[in-house]
């Protein structure tokens, strides 16, 4: 994971700790933040195709058959 992703997740976790109030708005915001953190934990980035000069021979063979 990228450093920016980890930093954003850390900030959200800190915000959830700060919002420990019992009022309705604090609970709603804390719930939104906790759901966002959960979604971030579930996220799996897709493998990006290589943009260099390397050719994958197995991929070529698969395309030809």
Protein backbone atom coordinates (compact mmCIF):
# COMPACT_ATOMS: atom_id res chain seq x y z
CA UNK A 1 0.00 0.00 0.00
CA UNK A 2 1.14 3.50 -0.70
CA UNK A 3 2.33 5.79 2.09
CA UNK A 4 -0.51 8.20 1.26
CA UNK A 5 -3.07 5.42 1.72
CA UNK A 6 -1.59 4.45 5.08
CA UNK A 7 -1.47 8.08 6.21
CA UNK A 8 -5.11 8.63 5.23
CA UNK A 9 -6.15 5.50 7.12
CA UNK A 10 -4.20 6.65 10.18
CA UNK A 11 -5.91 10.06 10.10
CA UNK A 12 -9.34 8.43 9.89
CA UNK A 13 -8.54 6.19 12.85
CA UNK A 14 -7.48 9.24 14.88
CA UNK A 15 -10.67 11.08 13.91
CA UNK A 16 -12.77 8.10 15.07
CA UNK A 17 -11.02 8.20 18.45
CA UNK A 18 -11.65 11.94 18.78
CA UNK A 19 -15.37 11.45 18.04
CA UNK A 20 -16.15 9.51 21.21
CA UNK A 21 -19.03 11.82 22.17
CA UNK A 22 -22.44 10.40 22.97
CA UNK A 23 -24.43 12.85 20.89
CA UNK A 24 -26.15 11.77 17.67
CA UNK A 25 -23.83 13.65 15.29
CA UNK A 26 -20.66 12.27 16.85
CA UNK A 27 -22.01 8.71 16.62
CA UNK A 28 -23.01 9.19 12.97
CA UNK A 29 -19.63 10.66 12.02
CA UNK A 30 -17.79 7.93 13.92
CA UNK A 31 -19.87 5.29 12.14
CA UNK A 32 -19.09 6.82 8.73
CA UNK A 33 -15.38 6.96 9.52
CA UNK A 34 -15.32 3.36 10.78
CA UNK A 35 -17.13 2.16 7.65
CA UNK A 36 -14.65 4.06 5.48
CA UNK A 37 -11.73 2.44 7.30
CA UNK A 38 -13.36 -0.96 6.77
CA UNK A 39 -13.74 -0.28 3.05
CA UNK A 40 -10.11 0.79 2.86
CA UNK A 41 -9.07 -2.46 4.54
CA UNK A 42 -11.10 -4.47 2.01
CA UNK A 43 -9.63 -2.64 -1.00
CA UNK A 44 -7.21 -4.68 -3.07
CA UNK A 45 -5.59 -2.74 -5.91
CA UNK A 46 -5.63 -4.43 -9.27
CA UNK A 47 -2.34 -5.33 -10.84
CA UNK A 48 -1.44 -2.70 -13.37
CA UNK A 49 -0.03 -3.94 -16.64
CA UNK A 50 3.67 -3.47 -17.00
CA UNK A 51 4.55 -0.32 -18.92
CA UNK A 52 8.13 -1.21 -19.63
CA UNK A 53 9.78 -2.96 -22.54
CA UNK A 54 9.42 -6.46 -21.07
CA UNK A 55 7.18 -8.83 -23.00
CA UNK A 56 5.40 -11.66 -21.19
CA UNK A 57 5.94 -14.75 -23.33
CA UNK A 58 3.29 -16.81 -21.51
CA UNK A 59 0.68 -14.10 -22.11
CA UNK A 60 1.60 -14.08 -25.80
CA UNK A 61 1.28 -17.86 -26.02
CA UNK A 62 -2.11 -17.69 -24.34
CA UNK A 63 -3.33 -15.08 -26.83
CA UNK A 64 -2.17 -17.14 -29.81
CA UNK A 65 -3.95 -20.32 -28.74
